[in-house]
Amino acid sequence: MADKKNNPAVSVIIPTYNRGWILKEAIDSVLAQEGVDLELIVVDDGSTDDTADILDSYGDQIRVIGRPANDGVSAARNQGVAASTGALIAFLDSDDWWLKGKLSIQADFFHTHPDALICQTDELWVRNGVRVNPKKYHKKPSGMIFELSLSRCLVSPSAVMMRRSLFDTVGGFDERFRICEDYDLWLRISCEHPIYLIDTPLIVKRGGHPDQISKDVGLDKLRIRSITQMMESKVLSPDQYAAAVRILKEKCRIYASGCRKRGRQDEARHYEELAGRYD
């Protein structure tokens, strides 16, 4: 168990939108954490269901930030961090929940690794109420993971804890990304900093429900945009840049092929031309 005297306070940010059917499980899993000083900030991003009533029932156990418009998870998380006070930041998606010990184990990690800026834990997967086993393809790496992260998102927001100083340095989530915002942030971090893995499942990641954002078919288009921005940022090493070019060309080819099959010829040509710029 973490020593509260030696570990800084943790600010937990839960963004939510119309997740009244499941939100309580996420909140309760945070309040059940022991061994750390924590504050829980829930950002209600314009919910129209019973979310407000659920949040009111917790009284002063949580802080609630209400946003009148549904501006997206990036803006909600950024606003939550801006209102927080902890030296460590942890995120929890409102359809996931934490197992006991999640926060204390990560806080201990930062205490024993003072140079570390960000870490994540392993996770359990539940799809449509049924436990499933990730394939080796989804195995989370540890350390300098930028090149591996180009192909797919290898970091889960609900599994992450980071030092607030890192979040502030990289500028938080890019609010132009309503989806794929986490992929973009992890690329901006991992090109310069190791992302460490605590190889213990400490979150339950739920999927398969109709409002799951990661089901959106526009993910690859936004990943192409994120990779392009990384290449134009001039922060990549030669090896990182070469890897980014390779993955960009592959994603452009696949996306353009899909556009042609759907009759979107102008869009297909745009992405074929984008890939060709880096020959």
Protein backbone atom coordinates (compact mmCIF):
# COMPACT_ATOMS: atom_id res chain seq x y z
CA MET A 1 0.00 0.00 0.00
CA ALA A 2 1.22 3.50 -0.81
CA ASP A 3 2.61 5.71 1.93
CA LYS A 4 0.54 8.91 1.86
CA LYS A 5 3.43 10.86 3.41
CA ASN A 6 5.77 9.99 0.52
CA ASN A 7 3.36 10.06 -2.43
CA PRO A 8 1.80 13.22 -3.87
CA ALA A 9 -1.94 13.62 -4.18
CA VAL A 10 -3.67 12.16 -7.24
CA SER A 11 -6.32 13.98 -9.24
CA VAL A 12 -8.70 11.60 -11.01
CA ILE A 13 -10.61 12.90 -14.04
CA ILE A 14 -13.74 11.15 -15.35
CA PRO A 15 -15.31 12.68 -18.47
CA THR A 16 -18.84 11.50 -19.15
CA TYR A 17 -21.70 12.00 -21.56
CA ASN A 18 -25.04 10.20 -21.19
CA ARG A 19 -23.50 7.27 -19.35
CA GLY A 20 -25.96 7.20 -16.46
CA TRP A 21 -26.47 3.50 -17.07
CA ILE A 22 -22.89 2.73 -16.06
CA LEU A 23 -21.31 5.82 -14.50
CA LYS A 24 -21.82 4.75 -10.89
CA GLU A 25 -19.53 1.73 -11.31
CA ALA A 26 -16.70 3.96 -12.47
CA ILE A 27 -17.14 6.47 -9.64
CA ASP A 28 -17.46 3.80 -6.96
CA SER A 29 -14.28 2.10 -8.18
CA VAL A 30 -12.38 5.35 -7.63
CA LEU A 31 -13.83 6.04 -4.21
CA ALA A 32 -12.89 2.48 -3.16
CA GLN A 33 -9.18 3.17 -3.79
CA GLU A 34 -7.03 3.22 -0.65
CA GLY A 35 -3.55 4.37 0.31
CA VAL A 36 -3.51 7.68 -1.59
CA ASP A 37 -4.89 11.15 -1.13
CA LEU A 38 -7.15 11.71 -4.09
CA GLU A 39 -9.65 14.13 -5.53
CA LEU A 40 -12.24 12.92 -8.03
CA ILE A 41 -13.42 15.37 -10.68
CA VAL A 42 -16.27 14.31 -12.95
CA VAL A 43 -16.79 16.44 -16.05
CA ASP A 44 -20.36 16.13 -17.29
CA ASP A 45 -20.09 17.06 -20.96
CA GLY A 46 -23.68 18.08 -21.58
CA SER A 47 -25.50 14.88 -20.57
CA THR A 48 -29.28 14.79 -21.06
CA ASP A 49 -29.99 11.54 -19.19
CA ASP A 50 -30.00 10.99 -15.40
CA THR A 51 -26.27 11.73 -15.04
CA ALA A 52 -26.85 14.93 -13.05
CA ASP A 53 -28.99 13.12 -10.47
CA ILE A 54 -26.38 10.39 -10.09
CA LEU A 55 -23.61 12.94 -9.55
CA ASP A 56 -25.70 14.89 -7.03
CA SER A 57 -26.11 11.73 -4.95
CA TYR A 58 -22.37 11.72 -4.13
CA GLY A 59 -22.44 15.09 -2.42
CA ASP A 60 -19.00 16.40 -1.51
CA GLN A 61 -17.25 13.07 -2.21
CA ILE A 62 -16.67 14.29 -5.76
CA ARG A 63 -16.27 17.55 -7.62
CA VAL A 64 -18.52 18.06 -10.63
CA ILE A 65 -17.86 20.30 -13.59
CA GLY A 66 -20.87 20.79 -15.81
CA ARG A 67 -20.40 21.70 -19.46
CA PRO A 68 -23.57 22.91 -21.25
CA ALA A 69 -22.46 21.67 -24.66
CA ASN A 70 -21.12 18.28 -25.69
CA ASP A 71 -17.70 19.51 -26.80
CA GLY A 72 -16.02 16.13 -26.68
CA VAL A 73 -13.79 14.09 -24.43
CA SER A 74 -10.60 16.05 -25.17
CA ALA A 75 -12.08 19.34 -23.96
CA ALA A 76 -13.70 17.60 -20.98
CA ARG A 77 -10.45 16.00 -19.83
CA ASN A 78 -8.49 19.22 -20.32
CA GLN A 79 -11.01 21.17 -18.27
CA GLY A 80 -10.88 18.55 -15.53
CA VAL A 81 -7.10 18.77 -15.34
CA ALA A 82 -7.24 22.58 -15.32
CA ALA A 83 -9.49 22.43 -12.25
CA SER A 84 -7.39 19.81 -10.46
CA THR A 85 -4.72 20.25 -7.79
CA GLY A 86 -2.83 16.94 -7.67
CA ALA A 87 0.80 16.43 -8.67
CA LEU A 88 -0.28 13.18 -10.33
CA ILE A 89 -3.11 12.88 -12.87
CA ALA A 90 -5.14 9.76 -13.62
CA PHE A 91 -7.96 9.37 -16.14
CA LEU A 92 -10.90 6.99 -16.07
CA ASP A 93 -13.36 6.59 -18.91
CA SER A 94 -16.91 6.40 -17.63
CA ASP A 95 -17.50 2.95 -19.15
CA ASP A 96 -14.44 1.40 -17.44
CA TRP A 97 -13.67 0.77 -13.79
CA TRP A 98 -10.64 0.20 -11.58
CA LEU A 99 -9.67 -2.74 -9.44
CA LYS A 100 -8.53 -2.11 -5.88
CA GLY A 101 -4.94 -0.96 -5.51
CA LYS A 102 -4.73 0.71 -8.90
CA LEU A 103 -3.86 4.16 -7.64
CA SER A 104 -1.62 3.11 -4.76
CA ILE A 105 0.47 0.81 -6.97
CA GLN A 106 1.02 3.54 -9.53
CA ALA A 107 1.74 6.17 -6.88
CA ASP A 108 4.34 3.81 -5.38
CA PHE A 109 5.88 3.40 -8.84
CA PHE A 110 6.45 7.14 -9.12
CA HIS A 111 7.88 7.26 -5.62
CA THR A 112 10.43 4.56 -6.44
CA HIS A 113 11.09 5.86 -9.98
CA PRO A 114 11.49 9.63 -9.50
CA ASP A 115 12.57 10.17 -13.12
CA ALA A 116 9.45 8.50 -14.56
CA LEU A 117 6.81 10.82 -15.98
CA ILE A 118 4.07 8.43 -17.09
CA CYS A 119 3.05 4.82 -16.57
CA GLN A 120 0.09 2.59 -17.31
CA THR A 121 -1.16 -0.72 -15.96
CA ASP A 122 -2.27 -3.83 -17.76
CA GLU A 123 -6.00 -4.40 -18.17
CA LEU A 124 -8.82 -6.92 -18.32
CA TRP A 125 -11.26 -6.82 -21.22
CA VAL A 126 -15.01 -7.29 -21.09
CA ARG A 127 -17.02 -7.26 -24.34
CA ASN A 128 -20.80 -7.28 -24.15
CA GLY A 129 -20.57 -8.54 -20.60
CA VAL A 130 -18.21 -11.43 -21.41
CA ARG A 131 -14.55 -11.62 -20.39
CA VAL A 132 -12.27 -11.88 -23.44
CA ASN A 133 -8.53 -12.41 -23.73
CA PRO A 134 -6.47 -9.91 -25.75
CA LYS A 135 -4.29 -11.39 -28.48
CA LYS A 136 -0.50 -11.13 -28.45
CA TYR A 137 -0.93 -8.33 -30.99
CA HIS A 138 -2.43 -6.18 -28.22
CA LYS A 139 0.31 -6.83 -25.68
CA LYS A 140 1.37 -3.55 -24.12
CA PRO A 141 5.07 -2.70 -24.39
CA SER A 142 7.07 -0.64 -21.89
CA GLY A 143 9.65 2.09 -22.36
CA MET A 144 10.24 3.99 -25.60
CA ILE A 145 7.17 2.82 -27.50
CA PHE A 146 6.73 5.53 -30.17
CA GLU A 147 7.43 3.39 -33.22
CA LEU A 148 5.22 0.55 -31.97
CA SER A 149 2.44 3.04 -31.19
CA LEU A 150 2.21 4.34 -34.75
CA SER A 151 0.25 1.34 -36.00
CA ARG A 152 -2.28 1.18 -33.17
CA CYS A 153 -3.07 2.77 -29.85
CA LEU A 154 -1.10 0.91 -27.16
CA VAL A 155 -2.02 3.09 -24.19
CA SER A 156 -5.40 3.15 -22.46
CA PRO A 157 -6.50 6.43 -20.86
CA SER A 158 -8.09 4.51 -17.96
CA ALA A 159 -4.76 2.77 -17.27
CA VAL A 160 -2.57 5.89 -17.26
CA MET A 161 -1.12 7.93 -14.46
CA MET A 162 1.21 10.81 -15.26
CA ARG A 163 2.92 13.67 -13.56
CA ARG A 164 0.99 16.89 -13.98
CA SER A 165 4.16 18.58 -15.20
CA LEU A 166 4.22 16.27 -18.24
CA PHE A 167 0.59 16.96 -19.11
CA ASP A 168 1.24 20.69 -18.94
CA THR A 169 4.44 20.42 -21.02
CA VAL A 170 2.83 18.53 -23.91
CA GLY A 171 -0.24 20.76 -23.88
CA GLY A 172 -2.87 18.21 -22.95
CA PHE A 173 -5.34 16.63 -25.36
CA ASP A 174 -5.74 18.25 -28.77
CA GLU A 175 -9.34 19.49 -28.70
CA ARG A 176 -9.57 19.34 -32.49
CA PHE A 177 -9.72 15.55 -32.07
CA ARG A 178 -13.15 14.46 -30.84
CA ILE A 179 -11.98 10.86 -31.25
CA CYS A 180 -8.48 9.40 -31.53
CA GLU A 181 -7.39 12.09 -29.08
CA ASP A 182 -5.58 9.58 -26.89
CA TYR A 183 -3.58 8.11 -29.81
CA ASP A 184 -2.43 11.64 -30.66
CA LEU A 185 -1.40 12.47 -27.08
CA TRP A 186 0.53 9.22 -26.60
CA LEU A 187 2.48 9.86 -29.82
CA ARG A 188 3.42 13.35 -28.64
CA ILE A 189 4.58 11.93 -25.33
CA SER A 190 6.24 8.70 -26.46
CA CYS A 191 8.45 10.34 -29.09
CA GLU A 192 10.42 11.90 -26.24
CA HIS A 193 9.60 10.00 -23.05
CA PRO A 194 9.30 6.35 -22.00
CA ILE A 195 5.82 5.13 -21.11
CA TYR A 196 6.28 2.45 -18.48
CA LEU A 197 4.05 -0.57 -18.00
CA ILE A 198 3.07 -2.02 -14.64
CA ASP A 199 2.38 -5.54 -15.84
CA THR A 200 -0.59 -6.15 -13.55
CA PRO A 201 -4.23 -5.89 -14.69
CA LEU A 202 -5.70 -3.10 -12.57
CA ILE A 203 -8.51 -1.84 -14.80
CA VAL A 204 -11.51 -3.45 -16.45
CA LYS A 205 -11.97 -2.09 -19.94
CA ARG A 206 -15.49 -2.51 -21.20
CA GLY A 207 -16.45 -2.61 -24.89
CA GLY A 208 -19.13 -3.60 -27.33
CA HIS A 209 -21.82 -1.17 -26.19
CA PRO A 210 -23.51 1.05 -28.80
CA ASP A 211 -22.06 4.38 -27.62
CA GLN A 212 -18.44 3.23 -27.56
CA ILE A 213 -16.46 6.04 -29.20
CA SER A 214 -13.65 3.78 -30.47
CA LYS A 215 -16.11 2.12 -32.86
CA ASP A 216 -16.08 5.23 -35.02
CA VAL A 217 -15.06 4.50 -38.61
CA GLY A 218 -13.06 7.74 -38.83
CA LEU A 219 -10.23 6.55 -36.60
CA ASP A 220 -7.72 5.87 -39.38
CA LYS A 221 -8.35 9.26 -40.98
CA LEU A 222 -7.54 10.96 -37.69
CA ARG A 223 -4.51 8.77 -37.08
CA ILE A 224 -3.18 9.87 -40.46
CA ARG A 225 -3.70 13.47 -39.38
CA SER A 226 -1.91 12.88 -36.09
CA ILE A 227 1.08 11.18 -37.74
CA THR A 228 1.33 14.00 -40.30
CA GLN A 229 1.37 16.57 -37.49
CA MET A 230 4.11 14.62 -35.73
CA MET A 231 6.21 14.57 -38.90
CA GLU A 232 5.78 18.31 -39.35
CA SER A 233 6.66 19.05 -35.73
CA LYS A 234 10.38 18.51 -36.32
CA VAL A 235 10.77 16.69 -32.99
CA LEU A 236 11.24 13.18 -34.38
CA SER A 237 14.60 11.46 -34.64
CA PRO A 238 15.60 10.15 -38.10
CA ASP A 239 14.55 6.62 -37.14
CA GLN A 240 11.24 7.83 -35.71
CA TYR A 241 10.58 9.90 -38.83
CA ALA A 242 11.29 6.95 -41.12
CA ALA A 243 8.90 4.77 -39.12
CA ALA A 244 6.25 7.49 -39.26
CA VAL A 245 6.58 7.74 -43.05
CA ARG A 246 6.20 3.98 -43.43
CA ILE A 247 3.06 3.79 -41.29
CA LEU A 248 1.59 6.95 -42.82
CA LYS A 249 1.92 5.53 -46.32
CA GLU A 250 0.36 2.25 -45.24
CA LYS A 251 -2.60 3.95 -43.54
CA CYS A 252 -3.12 6.31 -46.49
CA ARG A 253 -3.16 3.36 -48.90
CA ILE A 254 -5.71 1.46 -46.83
CA TYR A 255 -7.91 4.51 -46.26
CA ALA A 256 -7.78 5.55 -49.93
CA SER A 257 -8.76 2.04 -50.98
CA GLY A 258 -11.79 2.21 -48.70
CA CYS A 259 -12.74 5.60 -50.14
CA ARG A 260 -12.62 4.25 -53.70
CA LYS A 261 -14.84 1.31 -52.79
CA ARG A 262 -17.38 3.78 -51.42
CA GLY A 263 -17.24 6.06 -54.44
CA ARG A 264 -15.34 8.88 -52.72
CA GLN A 265 -12.80 9.31 -55.51
CA ASP A 266 -11.64 12.84 -54.66
CA GLU A 267 -10.94 11.85 -51.06
CA ALA A 268 -9.08 8.76 -52.24
CA ARG A 269 -6.85 10.86 -54.50
CA HIS A 270 -6.10 13.25 -51.63
CA TYR A 271 -4.75 10.47 -49.44
CA GLU A 272 -2.84 8.85 -52.30
CA GLU A 273 -1.21 12.21 -52.99
CA LEU A 274 -0.46 12.67 -49.29
CA ALA A 275 1.37 9.34 -49.20
CA GLY A 276 3.27 10.28 -52.33
CA ARG A 277 4.72 13.42 -50.77
CA TYR A 278 7.04 11.30 -48.69
CA ASP A 279 8.53 9.09 -51.43
